[in-house]
Amino acid sequence: MDVLAGPLLAAATLLVAGGAPKVLAPADTARALRAMRLPVGDLGVRLLGLAEMLSGIAVVISPGRPTAVVVALWYAAFTVVVVLALRSDKPLATCGCFGGTDTPPTYGHLVLVTAASVSAAVFALDPSDNLFAGQPWLGLPLLMLAALTAWFGYLVMSRLAVLR
């Protein structure tokens, strides 16, 4: 579904942006997951971060049903983690979304990760093998829209989260 190419690219971009800090500095994410009774150590967080990054990159290299399903599953898992964090009796200083960035889980997180999961799943129902086919100006507007959407998502999960 071509209309969801932008949101899929934005979700993939956030996977790469969120995975990289976990690979480089996994401690905050591991601490957040342990606080939610999810026993994942630094090595596990690094591997998860690497898998996130590779999943996001795979969308650009090989768009289609398999990569869209993987993105949908990542964001479905994030949805579960955010729900667990919001329901936890222990307040978290960070959810670990972007490594060391102070990003407490919020309902904005929940809306964003749920929307990313649903849009990727709907894209998987009718995938496009070329995200840029038929796009004007060689897909530059689509890339700009995806980048802006990813940046907005980052702001919702990081900067706006601390304003609550």
N, C-alpha and C. Protein backbone atom coordinates (compact mmCIF):
# COMPACT_ATOMS: atom_id res chain seq x y z
N MET A 1 0.85 -1.17 0.00
CA MET A 1 0.00 0.00 0.00
C MET A 1 0.90 1.23 0.00
N ASP A 2 0.94 1.90 -1.12
CA ASP A 2 1.88 3.01 -1.32
C ASP A 2 1.69 4.16 -0.33
N VAL A 3 0.47 4.39 0.11
CA VAL A 3 0.23 5.51 1.02
C VAL A 3 0.93 5.29 2.36
N LEU A 4 1.24 4.05 2.70
CA LEU A 4 1.90 3.75 3.96
C LEU A 4 3.42 3.61 3.82
N ALA A 5 3.94 3.91 2.64
CA ALA A 5 5.39 3.85 2.44
C ALA A 5 6.11 4.84 3.35
N GLY A 6 5.56 6.05 3.48
CA GLY A 6 6.17 7.06 4.35
C GLY A 6 6.21 6.64 5.81
N PRO A 7 5.06 6.24 6.38
CA PRO A 7 5.10 5.78 7.77
C PRO A 7 6.00 4.56 7.98
N LEU A 8 6.05 3.66 7.00
CA LEU A 8 6.93 2.50 7.12
C LEU A 8 8.39 2.93 7.14
N LEU A 9 8.75 3.85 6.25
CA LEU A 9 10.13 4.36 6.25
C LEU A 9 10.45 5.10 7.54
N ALA A 10 9.49 5.85 8.07
CA ALA A 10 9.70 6.56 9.33
C ALA A 10 9.90 5.57 10.47
N ALA A 11 9.08 4.53 10.50
CA ALA A 11 9.21 3.51 11.54
C ALA A 11 10.56 2.80 11.43
N ALA A 12 10.98 2.52 10.20
CA ALA A 12 12.28 1.88 9.98
C ALA A 12 13.42 2.79 10.44
N THR A 13 13.29 4.07 10.16
CA THR A 13 14.30 5.05 10.59
C THR A 13 14.41 5.08 12.10
N LEU A 14 13.26 5.05 12.78
CA LEU A 14 13.29 5.05 14.25
C LEU A 14 13.88 3.76 14.80
N LEU A 15 13.69 2.65 14.09
CA LEU A 15 14.34 1.41 14.53
C LEU A 15 15.86 1.56 14.51
N VAL A 16 16.38 2.15 13.44
CA VAL A 16 17.82 2.35 13.34
C VAL A 16 18.28 3.34 14.41
N ALA A 17 17.55 4.45 14.55
CA ALA A 17 17.92 5.48 15.53
C ALA A 17 17.81 4.97 16.96
N GLY A 18 16.87 4.10 17.23
CA GLY A 18 16.72 3.55 18.57
C GLY A 18 17.65 2.38 18.84
N GLY A 19 18.03 1.66 17.80
CA GLY A 19 18.90 0.50 17.98
C GLY A 19 20.35 0.88 18.22
N ALA A 20 20.82 1.91 17.53
CA ALA A 20 22.23 2.30 17.63
C ALA A 20 22.67 2.61 19.06
N PRO A 21 21.93 3.43 19.81
CA PRO A 21 22.36 3.71 21.19
C PRO A 21 22.34 2.46 22.08
N LYS A 22 21.44 1.53 21.79
CA LYS A 22 21.40 0.31 22.58
C LYS A 22 22.64 -0.54 22.35
N VAL A 23 23.14 -0.51 21.13
CA VAL A 23 24.37 -1.25 20.82
C VAL A 23 25.55 -0.60 21.52
N LEU A 24 25.62 0.72 21.49
CA LEU A 24 26.77 1.44 22.04
C LEU A 24 26.75 1.58 23.55
N ALA A 25 25.56 1.77 24.13
CA ALA A 25 25.44 1.98 25.58
C ALA A 25 24.16 1.32 26.09
N PRO A 26 24.20 0.02 26.35
CA PRO A 26 22.99 -0.74 26.67
C PRO A 26 22.49 -0.62 28.11
N ALA A 27 23.26 -0.03 29.00
CA ALA A 27 22.97 -0.09 30.43
C ALA A 27 21.59 0.47 30.80
N ASP A 28 21.23 1.63 30.28
CA ASP A 28 19.94 2.23 30.65
C ASP A 28 18.76 1.38 30.19
N THR A 29 18.86 0.84 28.98
CA THR A 29 17.78 -0.01 28.48
C THR A 29 17.70 -1.29 29.30
N ALA A 30 18.84 -1.90 29.61
CA ALA A 30 18.85 -3.12 30.42
C ALA A 30 18.24 -2.84 31.80
N ARG A 31 18.59 -1.71 32.38
CA ARG A 31 18.05 -1.33 33.70
C ARG A 31 16.53 -1.15 33.62
N ALA A 32 16.06 -0.49 32.57
CA ALA A 32 14.62 -0.28 32.41
C ALA A 32 13.89 -1.60 32.23
N LEU A 33 14.45 -2.50 31.45
CA LEU A 33 13.81 -3.79 31.24
C LEU A 33 13.80 -4.63 32.51
N ARG A 34 14.89 -4.58 33.28
CA ARG A 34 14.93 -5.31 34.55
C ARG A 34 13.92 -4.74 35.54
N ALA A 35 13.72 -3.42 35.53
CA ALA A 35 12.74 -2.80 36.41
C ALA A 35 11.32 -3.27 36.08
N MET A 36 11.11 -3.68 34.82
CA MET A 36 9.80 -4.19 34.41
C MET A 36 9.75 -5.71 34.50
N ARG A 37 10.74 -6.29 35.19
CA ARG A 37 10.86 -7.74 35.38
C ARG A 37 11.09 -8.50 34.08
N LEU A 38 11.79 -7.86 33.16
CA LEU A 38 12.20 -8.51 31.91
C LEU A 38 13.72 -8.68 32.00
N PRO A 39 14.18 -9.88 32.33
CA PRO A 39 15.61 -10.09 32.62
C PRO A 39 16.48 -10.10 31.36
N VAL A 40 16.90 -8.92 30.95
CA VAL A 40 17.76 -8.78 29.78
C VAL A 40 19.01 -8.02 30.22
N GLY A 41 20.17 -8.60 29.98
CA GLY A 41 21.43 -7.96 30.34
C GLY A 41 21.96 -7.09 29.21
N ASP A 42 23.14 -6.55 29.42
CA ASP A 42 23.76 -5.66 28.44
C ASP A 42 23.96 -6.34 27.08
N LEU A 43 24.44 -7.59 27.09
CA LEU A 43 24.65 -8.29 25.83
C LEU A 43 23.32 -8.49 25.09
N GLY A 44 22.29 -8.86 25.82
CA GLY A 44 20.97 -9.03 25.21
C GLY A 44 20.46 -7.74 24.61
N VAL A 45 20.66 -6.62 25.31
CA VAL A 45 20.23 -5.32 24.79
C VAL A 45 21.03 -4.97 23.54
N ARG A 46 22.33 -5.23 23.56
CA ARG A 46 23.15 -4.96 22.37
C ARG A 46 22.66 -5.77 21.17
N LEU A 47 22.35 -7.03 21.39
CA LEU A 47 21.85 -7.88 20.31
C LEU A 47 20.49 -7.40 19.82
N LEU A 48 19.63 -7.01 20.74
CA LEU A 48 18.32 -6.46 20.35
C LEU A 48 18.50 -5.17 19.55
N GLY A 49 19.40 -4.31 20.00
CA GLY A 49 19.66 -3.06 19.28
C GLY A 49 20.18 -3.31 17.88
N LEU A 50 21.08 -4.27 17.75
CA LEU A 50 21.61 -4.62 16.44
C LEU A 50 20.51 -5.17 15.53
N ALA A 51 19.67 -6.02 16.10
CA ALA A 51 18.55 -6.57 15.32
C ALA A 51 17.58 -5.46 14.90
N GLU A 52 17.34 -4.51 15.79
CA GLU A 52 16.50 -3.35 15.44
C GLU A 52 17.08 -2.62 14.24
N MET A 53 18.36 -2.32 14.33
CA MET A 53 19.01 -1.58 13.25
C MET A 53 18.94 -2.34 11.93
N LEU A 54 19.26 -3.61 11.97
CA LEU A 54 19.23 -4.41 10.74
C LEU A 54 17.82 -4.51 10.16
N SER A 55 16.82 -4.57 11.03
CA SER A 55 15.43 -4.61 10.57
C SER A 55 15.05 -3.32 9.86
N GLY A 56 15.46 -2.20 10.43
CA GLY A 56 15.16 -0.91 9.80
C GLY A 56 15.87 -0.75 8.46
N ILE A 57 17.12 -1.17 8.40
CA ILE A 57 17.88 -1.08 7.15
C ILE A 57 17.29 -2.01 6.10
N ALA A 58 16.82 -3.17 6.52
CA ALA A 58 16.25 -4.14 5.58
C ALA A 58 15.03 -3.59 4.85
N VAL A 59 14.26 -2.73 5.51
CA VAL A 59 13.09 -2.13 4.86
C VAL A 59 13.49 -1.34 3.63
N VAL A 60 14.58 -0.60 3.73
CA VAL A 60 15.04 0.22 2.60
C VAL A 60 15.66 -0.66 1.52
N ILE A 61 16.45 -1.65 1.94
CA ILE A 61 17.12 -2.52 0.98
C ILE A 61 16.14 -3.45 0.26
N SER A 62 15.20 -4.01 1.02
CA SER A 62 14.29 -4.99 0.46
C SER A 62 12.88 -4.79 1.01
N PRO A 63 12.20 -3.73 0.56
CA PRO A 63 10.85 -3.51 1.06
C PRO A 63 9.92 -4.63 0.58
N GLY A 64 8.94 -4.91 1.38
CA GLY A 64 7.99 -5.94 1.01
C GLY A 64 7.32 -6.51 2.23
N ARG A 65 6.59 -7.58 2.03
CA ARG A 65 5.83 -8.20 3.12
C ARG A 65 6.73 -8.66 4.28
N PRO A 66 7.81 -9.40 4.03
CA PRO A 66 8.60 -9.88 5.18
C PRO A 66 9.17 -8.76 6.04
N THR A 67 9.74 -7.74 5.42
CA THR A 67 10.33 -6.67 6.22
C THR A 67 9.25 -5.84 6.92
N ALA A 68 8.12 -5.64 6.27
CA ALA A 68 7.02 -4.90 6.91
C ALA A 68 6.48 -5.67 8.11
N VAL A 69 6.39 -6.99 7.99
CA VAL A 69 5.93 -7.81 9.11
C VAL A 69 6.91 -7.72 10.27
N VAL A 70 8.20 -7.74 9.97
CA VAL A 70 9.22 -7.63 11.03
C VAL A 70 9.08 -6.29 11.75
N VAL A 71 8.90 -5.21 10.99
CA VAL A 71 8.72 -3.89 11.61
C VAL A 71 7.45 -3.88 12.46
N ALA A 72 6.38 -4.45 11.95
CA ALA A 72 5.12 -4.52 12.71
C ALA A 72 5.33 -5.29 14.02
N LEU A 73 6.07 -6.38 13.97
CA LEU A 73 6.33 -7.17 15.17
C LEU A 73 7.19 -6.42 16.19
N TRP A 74 8.21 -5.69 15.69
CA TRP A 74 9.03 -4.87 16.60
C TRP A 74 8.15 -3.89 17.36
N TYR A 75 7.31 -3.16 16.61
CA TYR A 75 6.49 -2.14 17.26
C TYR A 75 5.38 -2.74 18.11
N ALA A 76 4.92 -3.94 17.78
CA ALA A 76 3.96 -4.63 18.65
C ALA A 76 4.64 -4.98 19.98
N ALA A 77 5.90 -5.43 19.89
CA ALA A 77 6.66 -5.72 21.12
C ALA A 77 6.89 -4.44 21.93
N PHE A 78 7.22 -3.35 21.25
CA PHE A 78 7.39 -2.07 21.94
C PHE A 78 6.09 -1.65 22.62
N THR A 79 4.98 -1.90 21.95
CA THR A 79 3.67 -1.56 22.54
C THR A 79 3.49 -2.32 23.85
N VAL A 80 3.81 -3.59 23.85
CA VAL A 80 3.69 -4.39 25.08
C VAL A 80 4.60 -3.84 26.16
N VAL A 81 5.83 -3.51 25.82
CA VAL A 81 6.79 -2.99 26.81
C VAL A 81 6.30 -1.66 27.37
N VAL A 82 5.78 -0.78 26.51
CA VAL A 82 5.29 0.51 27.00
C VAL A 82 4.07 0.31 27.91
N VAL A 83 3.17 -0.59 27.56
CA VAL A 83 2.02 -0.88 28.42
C VAL A 83 2.50 -1.40 29.78
N LEU A 84 3.45 -2.33 29.76
CA LEU A 84 3.99 -2.84 31.03
C LEU A 84 4.62 -1.71 31.85
N ALA A 85 5.36 -0.83 31.18
CA ALA A 85 6.01 0.28 31.89
C ALA A 85 4.98 1.25 32.47
N LEU A 86 3.94 1.53 31.71
CA LEU A 86 2.91 2.46 32.20
C LEU A 86 2.11 1.85 33.36
N ARG A 87 1.96 0.54 33.36
CA ARG A 87 1.19 -0.13 34.41
C ARG A 87 2.05 -0.48 35.62
N SER A 88 3.36 -0.33 35.48
CA SER A 88 4.27 -0.69 36.56
C SER A 88 4.09 0.23 37.75
N ASP A 89 4.27 -0.36 38.93
CA ASP A 89 4.19 0.45 40.14
C ASP A 89 5.50 1.19 40.42
N LYS A 90 6.52 0.89 39.62
CA LYS A 90 7.81 1.57 39.77
C LYS A 90 7.95 2.59 38.63
N PRO A 91 8.04 3.86 38.96
CA PRO A 91 8.24 4.85 37.90
C PRO A 91 9.62 4.68 37.26
N LEU A 92 9.66 4.78 35.96
CA LEU A 92 10.92 4.66 35.22
C LEU A 92 11.40 6.03 34.78
N ALA A 93 12.69 6.29 34.96
CA ALA A 93 13.26 7.54 34.47
C ALA A 93 13.43 7.49 32.97
N THR A 94 13.59 6.28 32.44
CA THR A 94 13.74 6.11 31.01
C THR A 94 13.15 4.77 30.60
N CYS A 95 12.62 4.72 29.38
CA CYS A 95 12.13 3.45 28.86
C CYS A 95 13.23 2.75 28.09
N GLY A 96 14.32 3.44 27.82
CA GLY A 96 15.43 2.85 27.09
C GLY A 96 15.28 2.94 25.58
N CYS A 97 14.30 3.68 25.11
CA CYS A 97 14.03 3.77 23.67
C CYS A 97 15.24 4.24 22.87
N PHE A 98 15.94 5.21 23.41
CA PHE A 98 17.07 5.79 22.69
C PHE A 98 18.33 5.74 23.52
N GLY A 99 18.55 4.62 24.17
CA GLY A 99 19.75 4.45 24.96
C GLY A 99 19.73 5.30 26.21
N GLY A 100 20.71 6.17 26.37
CA GLY A 100 20.86 6.97 27.58
C GLY A 100 19.96 8.17 27.68
N THR A 101 19.25 8.49 26.59
CA THR A 101 18.38 9.66 26.63
C THR A 101 17.29 9.45 27.67
N ASP A 102 17.02 10.47 28.45
CA ASP A 102 15.99 10.38 29.47
C ASP A 102 14.62 10.40 28.79
N THR A 103 14.04 9.23 28.64
CA THR A 103 12.76 9.11 27.94
C THR A 103 11.78 8.27 28.75
N PRO A 104 11.12 8.86 29.73
CA PRO A 104 10.15 8.08 30.49
C PRO A 104 8.98 7.68 29.58
N PRO A 105 8.43 6.50 29.79
CA PRO A 105 7.32 6.06 28.95
C PRO A 105 6.08 6.92 29.19
N THR A 106 5.39 7.26 28.10
CA THR A 106 4.18 8.09 28.19
C THR A 106 3.10 7.49 27.29
N TYR A 107 1.92 8.06 27.38
CA TYR A 107 0.85 7.62 26.48
C TYR A 107 1.16 8.05 25.04
N GLY A 108 1.96 9.09 24.87
CA GLY A 108 2.42 9.46 23.53
C GLY A 108 3.24 8.34 22.91
N HIS A 109 4.10 7.70 23.73
CA HIS A 109 4.85 6.53 23.27
C HIS A 109 3.88 5.45 22.80
N LEU A 110 2.90 5.21 23.63
CA LEU A 110 1.95 4.13 23.35
C LEU A 110 1.23 4.36 22.03
N VAL A 111 0.78 5.58 21.81
CA VAL A 111 0.08 5.90 20.56
C VAL A 111 1.03 5.74 19.38
N LEU A 112 2.25 6.24 19.51
CA LEU A 112 3.20 6.19 18.41
C LEU A 112 3.60 4.76 18.05
N VAL A 113 3.96 3.95 19.03
CA VAL A 113 4.41 2.59 18.71
C VAL A 113 3.25 1.73 18.22
N THR A 114 2.06 1.97 18.73
CA THR A 114 0.89 1.23 18.24
C THR A 114 0.59 1.61 16.80
N ALA A 115 0.62 2.91 16.50
CA ALA A 115 0.37 3.36 15.12
C ALA A 115 1.43 2.82 14.16
N ALA A 116 2.69 2.77 14.59
CA ALA A 116 3.75 2.23 13.74
C ALA A 116 3.51 0.75 13.47
N SER A 117 3.10 0.02 14.49
CA SER A 117 2.84 -1.41 14.32
C SER A 117 1.69 -1.65 13.36
N VAL A 118 0.61 -0.91 13.56
CA VAL A 118 -0.58 -1.08 12.70
C VAL A 118 -0.28 -0.67 11.26
N SER A 119 0.40 0.45 11.07
CA SER A 119 0.68 0.89 9.69
C SER A 119 1.60 -0.09 8.97
N ALA A 120 2.59 -0.63 9.67
CA ALA A 120 3.48 -1.62 9.04
C ALA A 120 2.72 -2.90 8.72
N ALA A 121 1.81 -3.29 9.61
CA ALA A 121 1.01 -4.50 9.36
C ALA A 121 0.08 -4.31 8.17
N VAL A 122 -0.53 -3.14 8.07
CA VAL A 122 -1.42 -2.87 6.94
C VAL A 122 -0.61 -2.81 5.65
N PHE A 123 0.57 -2.21 5.70
CA PHE A 123 1.45 -2.19 4.52
C PHE A 123 1.76 -3.63 4.08
N ALA A 124 1.98 -4.52 5.05
CA ALA A 124 2.32 -5.92 4.73
C ALA A 124 1.18 -6.64 4.02
N LEU A 125 -0.05 -6.17 4.19
CA LEU A 125 -1.18 -6.81 3.51
C LEU A 125 -1.14 -6.59 2.01
N ASP A 126 -0.62 -5.44 1.60
CA ASP A 126 -0.53 -5.11 0.17
C ASP A 126 0.78 -4.38 -0.06
N PRO A 127 1.91 -5.11 0.03
CA PRO A 127 3.21 -4.46 0.00
C PRO A 127 3.61 -3.98 -1.39
N SER A 128 4.50 -3.02 -1.39
CA SER A 128 5.11 -2.53 -2.61
C SER A 128 6.56 -3.01 -2.62
N ASP A 129 6.99 -3.56 -3.74
CA ASP A 129 8.37 -4.05 -3.82
C ASP A 129 9.37 -2.91 -4.01
N ASN A 130 8.87 -1.74 -4.39
CA ASN A 130 9.73 -0.59 -4.58
C ASN A 130 9.02 0.61 -3.95
N LEU A 131 9.51 1.05 -2.81
CA LEU A 131 8.85 2.15 -2.09
C LEU A 131 8.87 3.45 -2.89
N PHE A 132 9.79 3.55 -3.85
CA PHE A 132 9.96 4.80 -4.57
C PHE A 132 9.35 4.78 -5.96
N ALA A 133 8.76 3.66 -6.36
CA ALA A 133 8.13 3.57 -7.68
C ALA A 133 6.97 4.56 -7.77
N GLY A 134 6.96 5.34 -8.82
CA GLY A 134 5.89 6.30 -9.02
C GLY A 134 5.98 7.55 -8.17
N GLN A 135 7.03 7.67 -7.39
CA GLN A 135 7.19 8.84 -6.55
C GLN A 135 7.78 9.98 -7.37
N PRO A 136 7.29 11.20 -7.15
CA PRO A 136 7.86 12.34 -7.88
C PRO A 136 9.28 12.64 -7.40
N TRP A 137 10.05 13.24 -8.26
CA TRP A 137 11.39 13.73 -7.94
C TRP A 137 12.25 12.64 -7.32
N LEU A 138 12.20 11.44 -7.88
CA LEU A 138 13.01 10.30 -7.45
C LEU A 138 12.79 9.92 -5.98
N GLY A 139 11.62 10.24 -5.45
CA GLY A 139 11.29 9.87 -4.08
C GLY A 139 11.78 10.82 -3.02
N LEU A 140 12.37 11.94 -3.42
CA LEU A 140 12.89 12.89 -2.43
C LEU A 140 11.80 13.41 -1.48
N PRO A 141 10.60 13.80 -1.98
CA PRO A 141 9.57 14.23 -1.04
C PRO A 141 9.17 13.13 -0.05
N LEU A 142 9.12 11.88 -0.51
CA LEU A 142 8.79 10.77 0.38
C LEU A 142 9.86 10.62 1.46
N LEU A 143 11.12 10.70 1.07
CA LEU A 143 12.21 10.61 2.05
C LEU A 143 12.16 11.75 3.06
N MET A 144 11.85 12.95 2.57
CA MET A 144 11.76 14.10 3.48
C MET A 144 10.60 13.93 4.45
N LEU A 145 9.45 13.46 3.95
CA LEU A 145 8.30 13.23 4.82
C LEU A 145 8.61 12.15 5.85
N ALA A 146 9.26 11.08 5.42
CA ALA A 146 9.61 10.01 6.35
C ALA A 146 10.59 10.52 7.41
N ALA A 147 11.58 11.30 7.00
CA ALA A 147 12.55 11.85 7.95
C ALA A 147 11.88 12.79 8.96
N LEU A 148 10.98 13.63 8.49
CA LEU A 148 10.26 14.54 9.39
C LEU A 148 9.35 13.77 10.34
N THR A 149 8.71 12.74 9.83
CA THR A 149 7.84 11.91 10.67
C THR A 149 8.67 11.18 11.73
N ALA A 150 9.82 10.65 11.34
CA ALA A 150 10.70 9.99 12.29
C ALA A 150 11.18 10.98 13.36
N TRP A 151 11.54 12.18 12.92
CA TRP A 151 12.00 13.20 13.88
C TRP A 151 10.87 13.56 14.85
N PHE A 152 9.66 13.70 14.34
CA PHE A 152 8.51 13.97 15.20
C PHE A 152 8.32 12.82 16.20
N GLY A 153 8.44 11.59 15.73
CA GLY A 153 8.32 10.44 16.62
C GLY A 153 9.39 10.46 17.70
N TYR A 154 10.61 10.79 17.31
CA TYR A 154 11.69 10.90 18.29
C TYR A 154 11.35 11.97 19.34
N LEU A 155 10.86 13.10 18.89
CA LEU A 155 10.51 14.18 19.82
C LEU A 155 9.40 13.75 20.78
N VAL A 156 8.41 13.05 20.27
CA VAL A 156 7.31 12.58 21.11
C VAL A 156 7.85 11.64 22.19
N MET A 157 8.79 10.77 21.80
CA MET A 157 9.28 9.78 22.76
C MET A 157 10.43 10.27 23.62
N SER A 158 11.00 11.43 23.30
CA SER A 158 12.12 11.89 24.11
C SER A 158 11.85 13.26 24.72
N ARG A 159 11.85 14.27 23.91
CA ARG A 159 11.75 15.65 24.45
C ARG A 159 10.39 15.96 25.06
N LEU A 160 9.31 15.54 24.39
CA LEU A 160 7.99 15.81 24.94
C LEU A 160 7.69 14.93 26.14
N ALA A 161 8.33 13.78 26.22
CA ALA A 161 8.10 12.86 27.34
C ALA A 161 8.51 13.47 28.67
N VAL A 162 9.52 14.30 28.66
CA VAL A 162 10.00 14.89 29.92
C VAL A 162 9.18 16.12 30.32
N LEU A 163 8.27 16.57 29.46
CA LEU A 163 7.45 17.73 29.78
C LEU A 163 6.16 17.38 30.52
N ARG A 164 5.89 16.11 30.66
CA ARG A 164 4.61 15.72 31.25
C ARG A 164 4.46 16.14 32.66
